[in-house]
Amino acid sequence: MLSYRLKLWRLYNKLPGKALGEYRLLPLFFILGAALEYSMIHWQIGEVNFYKVYKRRRVEELVEQRLRLEQA
């Protein structure tokens, strides 16, 4: 366990941005989040991507809500 922790600590110390302290990984996570968002928008599986599914479900929820209000 100690050797694993030591290896992890050495890898962490090799990363740039020591002035940021404990936030030194923040730019990396920002870039990874942007890449994930880009892939969700632009990558399609068949004819569907994440946002088309989200929009369709949101419209279905709004229609169901409106129908419930009209019936009440």
Protein backbone atom coordinates (compact mmCIF):
# COMPACT_ATOMS: atom_id res chain seq x y z
CA MET A 1 0.00 0.00 0.00
CA LEU A 2 2.83 2.36 0.81
CA SER A 3 4.51 1.84 -2.54
CA TYR A 4 1.22 2.51 -4.35
CA ARG A 5 0.72 5.71 -2.36
CA LEU A 6 4.32 6.76 -3.02
CA LYS A 7 3.95 6.16 -6.77
CA LEU A 8 0.72 8.12 -6.82
CA TRP A 9 2.33 10.99 -4.89
CA ARG A 10 5.29 11.08 -7.30
CA LEU A 11 2.95 11.16 -10.28
CA TYR A 12 0.95 13.96 -8.65
CA ASN A 13 4.13 15.96 -8.01
CA LYS A 14 5.16 15.64 -11.67
CA LEU A 15 2.02 17.50 -12.75
CA PRO A 16 2.48 21.19 -13.50
CA GLY A 17 0.71 23.88 -11.51
CA LYS A 18 2.13 23.60 -8.02
CA ALA A 19 1.12 27.20 -7.40
CA LEU A 20 -2.52 26.10 -7.62
CA GLY A 21 -2.04 23.71 -4.71
CA GLU A 22 -4.89 21.30 -4.25
CA TYR A 23 -6.64 22.79 -7.30
CA ARG A 24 -3.90 21.77 -9.72
CA LEU A 25 -6.11 19.11 -11.32
CA LEU A 26 -8.94 21.58 -11.98
CA PRO A 27 -7.79 22.52 -15.53
CA LEU A 28 -7.54 18.81 -16.40
CA PHE A 29 -11.09 18.17 -15.19
CA PHE A 30 -12.30 21.25 -17.06
CA ILE A 31 -10.82 19.92 -20.30
CA LEU A 32 -12.25 16.44 -19.69
CA GLY A 33 -15.69 17.94 -19.02
CA ALA A 34 -15.53 19.97 -22.22
CA ALA A 35 -14.55 16.85 -24.18
CA LEU A 36 -17.44 14.91 -22.65
CA GLU A 37 -19.89 17.69 -23.51
CA TYR A 38 -18.55 17.86 -27.08
CA SER A 39 -18.93 14.11 -27.50
CA MET A 40 -22.49 14.21 -26.16
CA ILE A 41 -23.43 16.88 -28.69
CA HIS A 42 -21.59 15.69 -31.79
CA TRP A 43 -21.32 11.90 -31.57
CA GLN A 44 -24.36 10.11 -32.86
CA ILE A 45 -25.30 6.49 -32.40
CA GLY A 46 -27.51 5.78 -35.37
CA GLU A 47 -29.74 8.83 -35.66
CA VAL A 48 -29.65 9.71 -31.98
CA ASN A 49 -27.37 11.69 -29.72
CA PHE A 50 -27.77 12.71 -26.08
CA TYR A 51 -29.47 16.04 -26.71
CA LYS A 52 -32.06 14.67 -29.12
CA VAL A 53 -33.09 12.12 -26.51
CA TYR A 54 -33.16 14.77 -23.78
CA LYS A 55 -35.28 17.15 -25.83
CA ARG A 56 -37.71 14.41 -26.81
CA ARG A 57 -38.16 13.28 -23.21
CA ARG A 58 -38.61 16.85 -22.02
CA VAL A 59 -41.32 17.50 -24.62
CA GLU A 60 -43.07 14.26 -23.63
CA GLU A 61 -43.01 15.30 -19.96
CA LEU A 62 -44.45 18.73 -20.79
CA VAL A 63 -47.23 17.22 -22.90
CA GLU A 64 -48.13 14.75 -20.14
CA GLN A 65 -48.15 17.56 -17.59
CA ARG A 66 -50.40 19.71 -19.79
CA LEU A 67 -52.79 16.79 -20.35
CA ARG A 68 -53.00 16.17 -16.60
CA LEU A 69 -53.79 19.84 -15.99
CA GLU A 70 -56.50 19.85 -18.67
CA GLN A 71 -58.11 16.72 -17.22
CA ALA A 72 -58.20 18.10 -13.68
